[in-house]
Amino acid sequence: MRVVSGSCKGRPLKAVPGVSTRPTTDKVKEAIFNMIGPYFEGGAGLDLFAGSGGLGIEALSRGLDTVIFVDRDPKAIMTIKENIDACSFESRTEVYRNDAERALKALKKRDLNFDYIFLDPPYKKQQLVSLLERIYSDGRLSRTGKIVCEHSKDVQMPDNAGGFEMIRSEVYGIIAITIYAYPYPIQEGNENG
């Protein structure tokens, strides 16, 4: 497992010890960023089931300014911190041990918005739709932002969740990537009308 592209291209990343976390493969990571990037000129990211931190670190390597990493597994938190240190991204990251629901509550209190949100929950506990609805109702996604959902290809994601609309879905082996965004044209409250 490594950083695929950007400022830390080729940097090896550690995996979380044990079998409770399955890292996103380099091939799938490359596909995700080709769909949403592939590079960024700043912005903020949230890696909500961060595991080893591979998706958020890839986003930083490709140009995001900051990423917040959340995972509830202490071994994952340790691994994320080691991978962030290996890429010298300490000043651009925050790492929290928490579950997704509590983390979203805490982020709402801080009134933080994100340009890219990565959702890769454990496949046995799919909760993507309720998370999308929560992110929408809390207003955590910036108006031009995207949410990347990684899930089993057996899981059929809805065309709409909360107020978000599916803009793309691709299958890579046993994994599917589904991307959501606000529908266009954006409703009132947007500076463009």
N, C-alpha and C. Protein backbone atom coordinates (compact mmCIF):
# COMPACT_ATOMS: atom_id res chain seq x y z
N MET A 1 0.85 -1.18 0.00
CA MET A 1 0.00 0.00 0.00
C MET A 1 0.89 1.24 0.00
N ARG A 2 0.55 2.18 -0.85
CA ARG A 2 1.42 3.36 -0.99
C ARG A 2 0.58 4.56 -1.40
N VAL A 3 1.21 5.74 -1.37
CA VAL A 3 0.58 6.93 -1.93
C VAL A 3 0.75 6.84 -3.44
N VAL A 4 -0.35 6.95 -4.18
CA VAL A 4 -0.33 6.70 -5.62
C VAL A 4 0.23 7.88 -6.41
N SER A 5 -0.12 9.12 -6.00
CA SER A 5 0.29 10.27 -6.80
C SER A 5 0.41 11.52 -5.92
N GLY A 6 0.97 12.57 -6.51
CA GLY A 6 1.08 13.84 -5.81
C GLY A 6 2.42 14.01 -5.11
N SER A 7 2.44 14.89 -4.09
CA SER A 7 3.68 15.27 -3.43
C SER A 7 4.35 14.12 -2.70
N CYS A 8 3.59 13.12 -2.28
CA CYS A 8 4.17 11.95 -1.57
C CYS A 8 4.10 10.69 -2.41
N LYS A 9 4.05 10.84 -3.72
CA LYS A 9 3.94 9.69 -4.62
C LYS A 9 4.97 8.63 -4.28
N GLY A 10 4.49 7.37 -4.19
CA GLY A 10 5.38 6.25 -3.95
C GLY A 10 5.68 5.97 -2.49
N ARG A 11 5.28 6.90 -1.59
CA ARG A 11 5.56 6.69 -0.16
C ARG A 11 4.78 5.49 0.36
N PRO A 12 5.45 4.50 0.96
CA PRO A 12 4.73 3.34 1.50
C PRO A 12 3.89 3.73 2.71
N LEU A 13 2.73 3.12 2.85
CA LEU A 13 1.85 3.36 3.99
C LEU A 13 1.66 2.05 4.75
N LYS A 14 1.60 2.15 6.06
CA LYS A 14 1.36 0.97 6.88
C LYS A 14 -0.12 0.64 6.88
N ALA A 15 -0.42 -0.65 6.96
CA ALA A 15 -1.81 -1.10 7.11
C ALA A 15 -2.10 -1.27 8.59
N VAL A 16 -3.38 -1.20 8.96
CA VAL A 16 -3.78 -1.42 10.35
C VAL A 16 -3.54 -2.89 10.68
N PRO A 17 -2.86 -3.19 11.79
CA PRO A 17 -2.63 -4.59 12.15
C PRO A 17 -3.94 -5.35 12.37
N GLY A 18 -3.96 -6.63 12.02
CA GLY A 18 -5.15 -7.45 12.22
C GLY A 18 -6.00 -7.51 10.96
N VAL A 19 -7.19 -8.08 11.10
CA VAL A 19 -8.06 -8.27 9.93
C VAL A 19 -9.34 -7.45 10.00
N SER A 20 -9.46 -6.57 11.00
CA SER A 20 -10.70 -5.80 11.17
C SER A 20 -10.82 -4.68 10.13
N THR A 21 -9.72 -4.26 9.54
CA THR A 21 -9.73 -3.15 8.57
C THR A 21 -9.19 -3.65 7.25
N ARG A 22 -9.90 -3.31 6.14
CA ARG A 22 -9.37 -3.68 4.83
C ARG A 22 -9.04 -2.40 4.08
N PRO A 23 -7.75 -2.21 3.77
CA PRO A 23 -7.35 -0.98 3.10
C PRO A 23 -7.87 -0.91 1.67
N THR A 24 -8.12 0.30 1.21
CA THR A 24 -8.49 0.53 -0.18
C THR A 24 -7.27 0.23 -1.04
N THR A 25 -7.44 -0.60 -2.06
CA THR A 25 -6.29 -0.95 -2.90
C THR A 25 -5.82 0.26 -3.69
N ASP A 26 -4.56 0.23 -4.11
CA ASP A 26 -4.01 1.34 -4.89
C ASP A 26 -4.82 1.54 -6.17
N LYS A 27 -5.26 0.44 -6.78
CA LYS A 27 -6.03 0.54 -8.03
C LYS A 27 -7.35 1.29 -7.81
N VAL A 28 -8.04 0.95 -6.72
CA VAL A 28 -9.32 1.61 -6.42
C VAL A 28 -9.08 3.07 -6.03
N LYS A 29 -8.00 3.31 -5.25
CA LYS A 29 -7.66 4.67 -4.87
C LYS A 29 -7.42 5.54 -6.11
N GLU A 30 -6.65 5.01 -7.06
CA GLU A 30 -6.39 5.73 -8.31
C GLU A 30 -7.70 6.04 -9.03
N ALA A 31 -8.59 5.06 -9.08
CA ALA A 31 -9.89 5.24 -9.75
C ALA A 31 -10.71 6.33 -9.06
N ILE A 32 -10.74 6.31 -7.72
CA ILE A 32 -11.50 7.32 -6.97
C ILE A 32 -11.01 8.72 -7.33
N PHE A 33 -9.70 8.91 -7.28
CA PHE A 33 -9.18 10.26 -7.50
C PHE A 33 -9.26 10.68 -8.96
N ASN A 34 -9.25 9.74 -9.87
CA ASN A 34 -9.50 10.10 -11.27
C ASN A 34 -10.94 10.59 -11.45
N MET A 35 -11.87 10.07 -10.63
CA MET A 35 -13.27 10.50 -10.72
C MET A 35 -13.50 11.88 -10.10
N ILE A 36 -12.79 12.20 -9.02
CA ILE A 36 -13.09 13.45 -8.30
C ILE A 36 -12.01 14.50 -8.44
N GLY A 37 -10.89 14.21 -9.01
CA GLY A 37 -9.76 15.14 -9.06
C GLY A 37 -9.27 15.33 -10.49
N PRO A 38 -8.14 14.74 -10.76
CA PRO A 38 -7.32 13.91 -9.87
C PRO A 38 -6.48 14.71 -8.88
N TYR A 39 -6.35 16.04 -9.10
CA TYR A 39 -5.57 16.88 -8.19
C TYR A 39 -6.45 18.02 -7.73
N PHE A 40 -6.05 18.64 -6.61
CA PHE A 40 -6.87 19.69 -6.01
C PHE A 40 -6.05 20.95 -5.78
N GLU A 41 -6.73 22.08 -5.82
CA GLU A 41 -6.09 23.35 -5.47
C GLU A 41 -6.66 23.79 -4.14
N GLY A 42 -6.24 23.10 -3.09
CA GLY A 42 -6.72 23.41 -1.76
C GLY A 42 -8.03 22.70 -1.44
N GLY A 43 -8.60 23.06 -0.29
CA GLY A 43 -9.85 22.46 0.15
C GLY A 43 -9.66 21.61 1.39
N ALA A 44 -10.79 21.19 1.97
CA ALA A 44 -10.78 20.41 3.20
C ALA A 44 -11.43 19.06 2.97
N GLY A 45 -10.89 18.03 3.61
CA GLY A 45 -11.43 16.69 3.49
C GLY A 45 -11.75 16.08 4.84
N LEU A 46 -12.67 15.12 4.82
CA LEU A 46 -13.03 14.33 6.00
C LEU A 46 -12.97 12.87 5.62
N ASP A 47 -12.12 12.12 6.32
CA ASP A 47 -11.99 10.67 6.11
C ASP A 47 -12.64 10.01 7.32
N LEU A 48 -13.92 9.61 7.18
CA LEU A 48 -14.75 9.28 8.35
C LEU A 48 -14.55 7.87 8.89
N PHE A 49 -14.17 6.92 8.07
CA PHE A 49 -13.82 5.57 8.55
C PHE A 49 -12.40 5.35 8.07
N ALA A 50 -11.47 6.08 8.66
CA ALA A 50 -10.17 6.29 8.04
C ALA A 50 -9.31 5.03 7.92
N GLY A 51 -9.47 4.07 8.82
CA GLY A 51 -8.62 2.87 8.74
C GLY A 51 -7.16 3.24 8.87
N SER A 52 -6.38 3.04 7.81
CA SER A 52 -4.96 3.40 7.81
C SER A 52 -4.75 4.87 7.42
N GLY A 53 -5.81 5.53 6.99
CA GLY A 53 -5.71 6.93 6.56
C GLY A 53 -5.35 7.09 5.09
N GLY A 54 -5.35 5.99 4.35
CA GLY A 54 -4.89 6.02 2.96
C GLY A 54 -5.63 7.00 2.05
N LEU A 55 -6.95 7.09 2.17
CA LEU A 55 -7.70 8.00 1.28
C LEU A 55 -7.41 9.46 1.61
N GLY A 56 -7.45 9.79 2.90
CA GLY A 56 -7.18 11.18 3.29
C GLY A 56 -5.76 11.60 2.97
N ILE A 57 -4.81 10.71 3.18
CA ILE A 57 -3.41 11.02 2.87
C ILE A 57 -3.23 11.20 1.37
N GLU A 58 -3.89 10.36 0.59
CA GLU A 58 -3.84 10.52 -0.87
C GLU A 58 -4.39 11.88 -1.28
N ALA A 59 -5.49 12.30 -0.64
CA ALA A 59 -6.10 13.60 -0.95
C ALA A 59 -5.15 14.75 -0.60
N LEU A 60 -4.45 14.64 0.53
CA LEU A 60 -3.46 15.66 0.90
C LEU A 60 -2.31 15.68 -0.10
N SER A 61 -1.83 14.51 -0.48
CA SER A 61 -0.73 14.41 -1.45
C SER A 61 -1.12 15.06 -2.78
N ARG A 62 -2.41 15.00 -3.10
CA ARG A 62 -2.90 15.55 -4.38
C ARG A 62 -3.39 16.99 -4.25
N GLY A 63 -3.20 17.61 -3.09
CA GLY A 63 -3.42 19.05 -3.03
C GLY A 63 -4.45 19.59 -2.05
N LEU A 64 -5.19 18.74 -1.32
CA LEU A 64 -6.09 19.29 -0.31
C LEU A 64 -5.25 19.97 0.77
N ASP A 65 -5.80 21.05 1.36
CA ASP A 65 -5.08 21.77 2.42
C ASP A 65 -5.08 21.00 3.73
N THR A 66 -6.26 20.48 4.10
CA THR A 66 -6.41 19.84 5.40
C THR A 66 -7.33 18.62 5.28
N VAL A 67 -7.10 17.65 6.17
CA VAL A 67 -8.00 16.50 6.27
C VAL A 67 -8.17 16.15 7.75
N ILE A 68 -9.41 15.87 8.13
CA ILE A 68 -9.71 15.33 9.45
C ILE A 68 -9.94 13.84 9.30
N PHE A 69 -9.24 13.05 10.10
CA PHE A 69 -9.35 11.59 10.08
C PHE A 69 -10.11 11.12 11.31
N VAL A 70 -11.07 10.22 11.12
CA VAL A 70 -11.84 9.67 12.24
C VAL A 70 -11.89 8.15 12.10
N ASP A 71 -11.61 7.46 13.19
CA ASP A 71 -11.81 6.01 13.25
C ASP A 71 -12.01 5.66 14.71
N ARG A 72 -12.73 4.59 14.98
CA ARG A 72 -12.95 4.25 16.39
C ARG A 72 -12.00 3.18 16.90
N ASP A 73 -11.21 2.58 16.02
CA ASP A 73 -10.28 1.52 16.40
C ASP A 73 -8.96 2.15 16.85
N PRO A 74 -8.52 1.88 18.10
CA PRO A 74 -7.26 2.48 18.56
C PRO A 74 -6.06 2.10 17.69
N LYS A 75 -6.06 0.87 17.15
CA LYS A 75 -4.94 0.46 16.28
C LYS A 75 -4.95 1.28 14.98
N ALA A 76 -6.15 1.60 14.49
CA ALA A 76 -6.25 2.44 13.29
C ALA A 76 -5.71 3.84 13.57
N ILE A 77 -6.08 4.40 14.71
CA ILE A 77 -5.61 5.75 15.07
C ILE A 77 -4.08 5.79 15.12
N MET A 78 -3.48 4.77 15.73
CA MET A 78 -2.02 4.69 15.80
C MET A 78 -1.41 4.62 14.40
N THR A 79 -2.02 3.80 13.53
CA THR A 79 -1.52 3.64 12.16
C THR A 79 -1.67 4.93 11.36
N ILE A 80 -2.82 5.59 11.49
CA ILE A 80 -3.04 6.87 10.79
C ILE A 80 -1.94 7.86 11.18
N LYS A 81 -1.67 7.99 12.47
CA LYS A 81 -0.66 8.95 12.94
C LYS A 81 0.73 8.60 12.38
N GLU A 82 1.06 7.30 12.34
CA GLU A 82 2.36 6.89 11.78
C GLU A 82 2.44 7.24 10.29
N ASN A 83 1.34 7.00 9.56
CA ASN A 83 1.34 7.31 8.12
C ASN A 83 1.39 8.81 7.86
N ILE A 84 0.70 9.59 8.69
CA ILE A 84 0.75 11.05 8.55
C ILE A 84 2.18 11.54 8.81
N ASP A 85 2.82 11.00 9.86
CA ASP A 85 4.20 11.38 10.17
C ASP A 85 5.13 11.04 9.01
N ALA A 86 4.93 9.85 8.41
CA ALA A 86 5.80 9.40 7.31
C ALA A 86 5.70 10.34 6.12
N CYS A 87 4.56 11.02 5.96
CA CYS A 87 4.36 11.95 4.84
C CYS A 87 4.55 13.41 5.25
N SER A 88 4.90 13.63 6.52
CA SER A 88 5.08 15.00 7.06
C SER A 88 3.84 15.87 6.88
N PHE A 89 2.67 15.30 7.14
CA PHE A 89 1.40 16.04 7.02
C PHE A 89 0.82 16.44 8.38
N GLU A 90 1.63 16.38 9.45
CA GLU A 90 1.11 16.65 10.80
C GLU A 90 0.40 17.99 10.89
N SER A 91 0.95 19.03 10.28
CA SER A 91 0.37 20.37 10.43
C SER A 91 -0.93 20.56 9.63
N ARG A 92 -1.24 19.59 8.77
CA ARG A 92 -2.42 19.73 7.90
C ARG A 92 -3.54 18.75 8.27
N THR A 93 -3.40 18.10 9.44
CA THR A 93 -4.34 17.04 9.78
C THR A 93 -4.81 17.13 11.22
N GLU A 94 -5.98 16.55 11.47
CA GLU A 94 -6.48 16.30 12.82
C GLU A 94 -6.93 14.84 12.83
N VAL A 95 -6.67 14.14 13.93
CA VAL A 95 -7.01 12.72 14.02
C VAL A 95 -7.83 12.51 15.29
N TYR A 96 -8.99 11.86 15.15
CA TYR A 96 -9.87 11.63 16.29
C TYR A 96 -10.30 10.18 16.38
N ARG A 97 -10.26 9.66 17.60
CA ARG A 97 -10.82 8.33 17.84
C ARG A 97 -12.28 8.53 18.25
N ASN A 98 -13.18 8.13 17.37
CA ASN A 98 -14.60 8.35 17.60
C ASN A 98 -15.39 7.51 16.61
N ASP A 99 -16.68 7.30 16.89
CA ASP A 99 -17.50 6.67 15.86
C ASP A 99 -18.07 7.76 14.95
N ALA A 100 -18.58 7.35 13.83
CA ALA A 100 -18.99 8.31 12.79
C ALA A 100 -20.08 9.27 13.27
N GLU A 101 -21.10 8.74 13.94
CA GLU A 101 -22.21 9.59 14.39
C GLU A 101 -21.73 10.67 15.37
N ARG A 102 -20.93 10.25 16.34
CA ARG A 102 -20.43 11.22 17.33
C ARG A 102 -19.51 12.24 16.67
N ALA A 103 -18.70 11.76 15.74
CA ALA A 103 -17.78 12.67 15.05
C ALA A 103 -18.56 13.73 14.28
N LEU A 104 -19.64 13.33 13.61
CA LEU A 104 -20.44 14.30 12.86
C LEU A 104 -21.08 15.33 13.79
N LYS A 105 -21.51 14.88 14.98
CA LYS A 105 -22.07 15.82 15.97
C LYS A 105 -21.02 16.85 16.39
N ALA A 106 -19.80 16.36 16.65
CA ALA A 106 -18.72 17.25 17.06
C ALA A 106 -18.37 18.24 15.95
N LEU A 107 -18.37 17.78 14.71
CA LEU A 107 -18.04 18.66 13.58
C LEU A 107 -19.13 19.70 13.38
N LYS A 108 -20.38 19.34 13.66
CA LYS A 108 -21.49 20.30 13.54
C LYS A 108 -21.30 21.43 14.56
N LYS A 109 -20.88 21.07 15.77
CA LYS A 109 -20.65 22.09 16.81
C LYS A 109 -19.56 23.06 16.38
N ARG A 110 -18.57 22.55 15.66
CA ARG A 110 -17.46 23.42 15.19
C ARG A 110 -17.82 24.12 13.89
N ASP A 111 -18.98 23.77 13.32
CA ASP A 111 -19.46 24.36 12.07
C ASP A 111 -18.43 24.21 10.93
N LEU A 112 -17.88 23.00 10.81
CA LEU A 112 -16.89 22.73 9.77
C LEU A 112 -17.57 22.16 8.52
N ASN A 113 -17.18 22.65 7.37
CA ASN A 113 -17.66 22.12 6.09
C ASN A 113 -16.49 21.50 5.35
N PHE A 114 -16.81 20.55 4.46
CA PHE A 114 -15.77 19.83 3.74
C PHE A 114 -16.04 19.83 2.24
N ASP A 115 -14.95 19.85 1.47
CA ASP A 115 -15.07 19.77 0.02
C ASP A 115 -15.15 18.32 -0.45
N TYR A 116 -14.54 17.42 0.31
CA TYR A 116 -14.55 16.00 -0.02
C TYR A 116 -14.73 15.20 1.26
N ILE A 117 -15.71 14.31 1.26
CA ILE A 117 -15.94 13.43 2.39
C ILE A 117 -15.82 11.99 1.91
N PHE A 118 -14.99 11.22 2.59
CA PHE A 118 -14.76 9.82 2.22
C PHE A 118 -15.46 8.93 3.24
N LEU A 119 -16.38 8.08 2.76
CA LEU A 119 -17.12 7.16 3.61
C LEU A 119 -16.80 5.74 3.18
N ASP A 120 -16.12 5.02 4.05
CA ASP A 120 -15.73 3.65 3.74
C ASP A 120 -16.00 2.78 4.98
N PRO A 121 -17.29 2.64 5.36
CA PRO A 121 -17.59 1.89 6.58
C PRO A 121 -17.35 0.40 6.39
N PRO A 122 -17.20 -0.33 7.50
CA PRO A 122 -17.04 -1.78 7.39
C PRO A 122 -18.22 -2.37 6.60
N TYR A 123 -17.92 -3.25 5.68
CA TYR A 123 -18.97 -3.76 4.78
C TYR A 123 -20.08 -4.48 5.51
N LYS A 124 -19.79 -5.07 6.66
CA LYS A 124 -20.83 -5.79 7.38
C LYS A 124 -21.82 -4.84 8.04
N LYS A 125 -21.44 -3.59 8.20
CA LYS A 125 -22.29 -2.64 8.91
C LYS A 125 -22.60 -1.45 8.00
N GLN A 126 -23.23 -1.71 6.90
CA GLN A 126 -23.51 -0.62 5.96
C GLN A 126 -24.46 0.39 6.60
N GLN A 127 -24.05 1.64 6.61
CA GLN A 127 -24.87 2.69 7.17
C GLN A 127 -24.76 3.95 6.31
N LEU A 128 -24.41 3.71 5.06
CA LEU A 128 -24.11 4.85 4.19
C LEU A 128 -25.28 5.80 4.01
N VAL A 129 -26.48 5.27 3.78
CA VAL A 129 -27.61 6.16 3.50
C VAL A 129 -27.90 7.06 4.70
N SER A 130 -27.91 6.49 5.91
CA SER A 130 -28.18 7.33 7.09
C SER A 130 -27.07 8.36 7.29
N LEU A 131 -25.83 8.01 6.97
CA LEU A 131 -24.74 8.98 7.07
C LEU A 131 -24.90 10.10 6.04
N LEU A 132 -25.27 9.74 4.82
CA LEU A 132 -25.50 10.77 3.79
C LEU A 132 -26.61 11.72 4.22
N GLU A 133 -27.68 11.17 4.77
CA GLU A 133 -28.79 12.00 5.24
C GLU A 133 -28.34 12.94 6.35
N ARG A 134 -27.52 12.41 7.26
CA ARG A 134 -27.02 13.22 8.38
C ARG A 134 -26.10 14.33 7.88
N ILE A 135 -25.20 14.00 6.97
CA ILE A 135 -24.28 15.01 6.42
C ILE A 135 -25.07 16.11 5.72
N TYR A 136 -26.13 15.72 5.02
CA TYR A 136 -26.97 16.70 4.33
C TYR A 136 -27.70 17.60 5.33
N SER A 137 -28.35 16.98 6.31
CA SER A 137 -29.14 17.78 7.26
C SER A 137 -28.25 18.69 8.10
N ASP A 138 -27.02 18.24 8.38
CA ASP A 138 -26.09 19.07 9.16
C ASP A 138 -25.36 20.11 8.30
N GLY A 139 -25.44 19.98 6.98
CA GLY A 139 -24.76 20.92 6.10
C GLY A 139 -23.25 20.82 6.15
N ARG A 140 -22.71 19.60 6.27
CA ARG A 140 -21.25 19.43 6.38
C ARG A 140 -20.53 19.47 5.05
N LEU A 141 -21.23 19.32 3.93
CA LEU A 141 -20.57 19.33 2.62
C LEU A 141 -20.66 20.71 1.99
N SER A 142 -19.54 21.21 1.48
CA SER A 142 -19.57 22.50 0.79
C SER A 142 -20.44 22.37 -0.46
N ARG A 143 -20.92 23.49 -0.97
CA ARG A 143 -21.90 23.47 -2.08
C ARG A 143 -21.38 22.80 -3.35
N THR A 144 -20.08 22.82 -3.55
CA THR A 144 -19.53 22.17 -4.75
C THR A 144 -18.81 20.88 -4.39
N GLY A 145 -19.02 20.40 -3.16
CA GLY A 145 -18.30 19.24 -2.67
C GLY A 145 -18.82 17.91 -3.20
N LYS A 146 -18.05 16.86 -2.89
CA LYS A 146 -18.42 15.50 -3.31
C LYS A 146 -18.22 14.55 -2.14
N ILE A 147 -19.09 13.54 -2.08
CA ILE A 147 -18.97 12.48 -1.08
C ILE A 147 -18.66 11.19 -1.81
N VAL A 148 -17.58 10.54 -1.40
CA VAL A 148 -17.15 9.29 -2.01
C VAL A 148 -17.53 8.15 -1.07
N CYS A 149 -18.38 7.23 -1.54
CA CYS A 149 -18.79 6.07 -0.75
C CYS A 149 -18.13 4.83 -1.34
N GLU A 150 -17.43 4.10 -0.49
CA GLU A 150 -16.85 2.82 -0.92
C GLU A 150 -17.66 1.73 -0.24
N HIS A 151 -18.14 0.77 -1.03
CA HIS A 151 -19.01 -0.26 -0.46
C HIS A 151 -18.90 -1.53 -1.28
N SER A 152 -19.51 -2.59 -0.76
CA SER A 152 -19.54 -3.86 -1.49
C SER A 152 -20.37 -3.68 -2.75
N LYS A 153 -19.98 -4.35 -3.83
CA LYS A 153 -20.74 -4.21 -5.08
C LYS A 153 -22.15 -4.76 -4.93
N ASP A 154 -22.40 -5.60 -3.90
CA ASP A 154 -23.74 -6.14 -3.66
C ASP A 154 -24.70 -5.09 -3.11
N VAL A 155 -24.17 -4.01 -2.56
CA VAL A 155 -25.01 -2.96 -1.97
C VAL A 155 -25.49 -2.02 -3.07
N GLN A 156 -26.79 -1.92 -3.21
CA GLN A 156 -27.36 -1.03 -4.23
C GLN A 156 -27.63 0.33 -3.59
N MET A 157 -26.90 1.33 -3.98
CA MET A 157 -27.08 2.67 -3.41
C MET A 157 -28.21 3.39 -4.15
N PRO A 158 -28.98 4.23 -3.42
CA PRO A 158 -30.09 4.95 -4.04
C PRO A 158 -29.61 6.10 -4.93
N ASP A 159 -30.47 6.50 -5.89
CA ASP A 159 -30.13 7.65 -6.74
C ASP A 159 -30.04 8.93 -5.94
N ASN A 160 -30.84 9.02 -4.86
CA ASN A 160 -30.85 10.21 -4.01
C ASN A 160 -30.79 9.77 -2.55
N ALA A 161 -30.02 10.51 -1.75
CA ALA A 161 -29.94 10.24 -0.32
C ALA A 161 -29.82 11.57 0.40
N GLY A 162 -30.72 11.81 1.35
CA GLY A 162 -30.79 13.15 1.93
C GLY A 162 -31.16 14.07 0.78
N GLY A 163 -30.44 15.13 0.59
CA GLY A 163 -30.66 15.99 -0.57
C GLY A 163 -29.59 15.82 -1.62
N PHE A 164 -28.78 14.78 -1.48
CA PHE A 164 -27.70 14.54 -2.44
C PHE A 164 -28.16 13.64 -3.57
N GLU A 165 -27.48 13.77 -4.69
CA GLU A 165 -27.83 12.96 -5.85
C GLU A 165 -26.57 12.18 -6.29
N MET A 166 -26.80 10.92 -6.67
CA MET A 166 -25.69 10.11 -7.16
C MET A 166 -25.22 10.69 -8.50
N ILE A 167 -23.92 10.97 -8.61
CA ILE A 167 -23.42 11.50 -9.88
C ILE A 167 -22.58 10.47 -10.63
N ARG A 168 -22.17 9.40 -9.91
CA ARG A 168 -21.38 8.37 -10.59
C ARG A 168 -21.30 7.13 -9.72
N SER A 169 -21.28 5.96 -10.35
CA SER A 169 -21.08 4.72 -9.62
C SER A 169 -20.32 3.75 -10.51
N GLU A 170 -19.25 3.17 -9.98
CA GLU A 170 -18.40 2.26 -10.73
C GLU A 170 -18.09 1.04 -9.87
N VAL A 171 -17.89 -0.10 -10.51
CA VAL A 171 -17.55 -1.33 -9.79
C VAL A 171 -16.12 -1.74 -10.15
N TYR A 172 -15.35 -2.10 -9.12
CA TYR A 172 -13.98 -2.58 -9.29
C TYR A 172 -13.86 -3.89 -8.52
N GLY A 173 -14.02 -5.01 -9.22
CA GLY A 173 -13.99 -6.32 -8.56
C GLY A 173 -15.17 -6.46 -7.61
N ILE A 174 -14.87 -6.68 -6.31
CA ILE A 174 -15.95 -6.84 -5.33
C ILE A 174 -16.35 -5.51 -4.69
N ILE A 175 -15.66 -4.43 -5.08
CA ILE A 175 -15.89 -3.11 -4.47
C ILE A 175 -16.60 -2.20 -5.45
N ALA A 176 -17.49 -1.37 -4.92
CA ALA A 176 -18.13 -0.33 -5.73
C ALA A 176 -17.81 1.03 -5.13
N ILE A 177 -17.70 2.02 -5.99
CA ILE A 177 -17.51 3.41 -5.57
C ILE A 177 -18.71 4.19 -6.08
N THR A 178 -19.39 4.88 -5.17
CA THR A 178 -20.54 5.71 -5.55
C THR A 178 -20.27 7.13 -5.05
N ILE A 179 -20.47 8.10 -5.93
CA ILE A 179 -20.17 9.49 -5.60
C ILE A 179 -21.46 10.29 -5.60
N TYR A 180 -21.62 11.09 -4.53
CA TYR A 180 -22.80 11.95 -4.38
C TYR A 180 -22.38 13.42 -4.32
N ALA A 181 -23.30 14.28 -4.76
CA ALA A 181 -23.08 15.72 -4.69
C ALA A 181 -24.45 16.38 -4.58
N TYR A 182 -24.46 17.69 -4.35
CA TYR A 182 -25.72 18.42 -4.40
C TYR A 182 -26.23 18.41 -5.83
N PRO A 183 -27.57 18.33 -6.01
CA PRO A 183 -28.09 18.40 -7.37
C PRO A 183 -27.91 19.80 -7.95
N TYR A 184 -27.76 19.89 -9.24
CA TYR A 184 -27.61 21.20 -9.90
C TYR A 184 -28.84 21.46 -10.73
N PRO A 185 -29.34 22.70 -10.86
CA PRO A 185 -28.76 23.87 -10.20
C PRO A 185 -29.03 23.83 -8.70
N ILE A 186 -28.10 24.37 -7.94
CA ILE A 186 -28.21 24.37 -6.48
C ILE A 186 -29.33 25.33 -6.08
N GLN A 187 -30.07 24.89 -5.08
CA GLN A 187 -31.22 25.68 -4.62
C GLN A 187 -30.76 26.95 -3.90
N GLU A 188 -31.72 27.72 -3.41
CA GLU A 188 -31.43 29.00 -2.75
C GLU A 188 -30.34 28.86 -1.71
N GLY A 189 -29.68 29.97 -1.44
CA GLY A 189 -28.59 29.95 -0.48
C GLY A 189 -27.24 29.87 -1.17
N ASN A 190 -27.26 29.57 -2.47
CA ASN A 190 -26.01 29.51 -3.24
C ASN A 190 -25.75 30.89 -3.83
N GLU A 191 -24.49 31.29 -3.81
CA GLU A 191 -24.14 32.61 -4.34
C GLU A 191 -24.38 32.70 -5.85
N ASN A 192 -24.50 31.57 -6.53
CA ASN A 192 -24.73 31.61 -7.97
C ASN A 192 -26.21 31.60 -8.33
N GLY A 193 -27.04 31.65 -7.32
CA GLY A 193 -28.45 31.74 -7.63
C GLY A 193 -29.17 30.57 -7.10
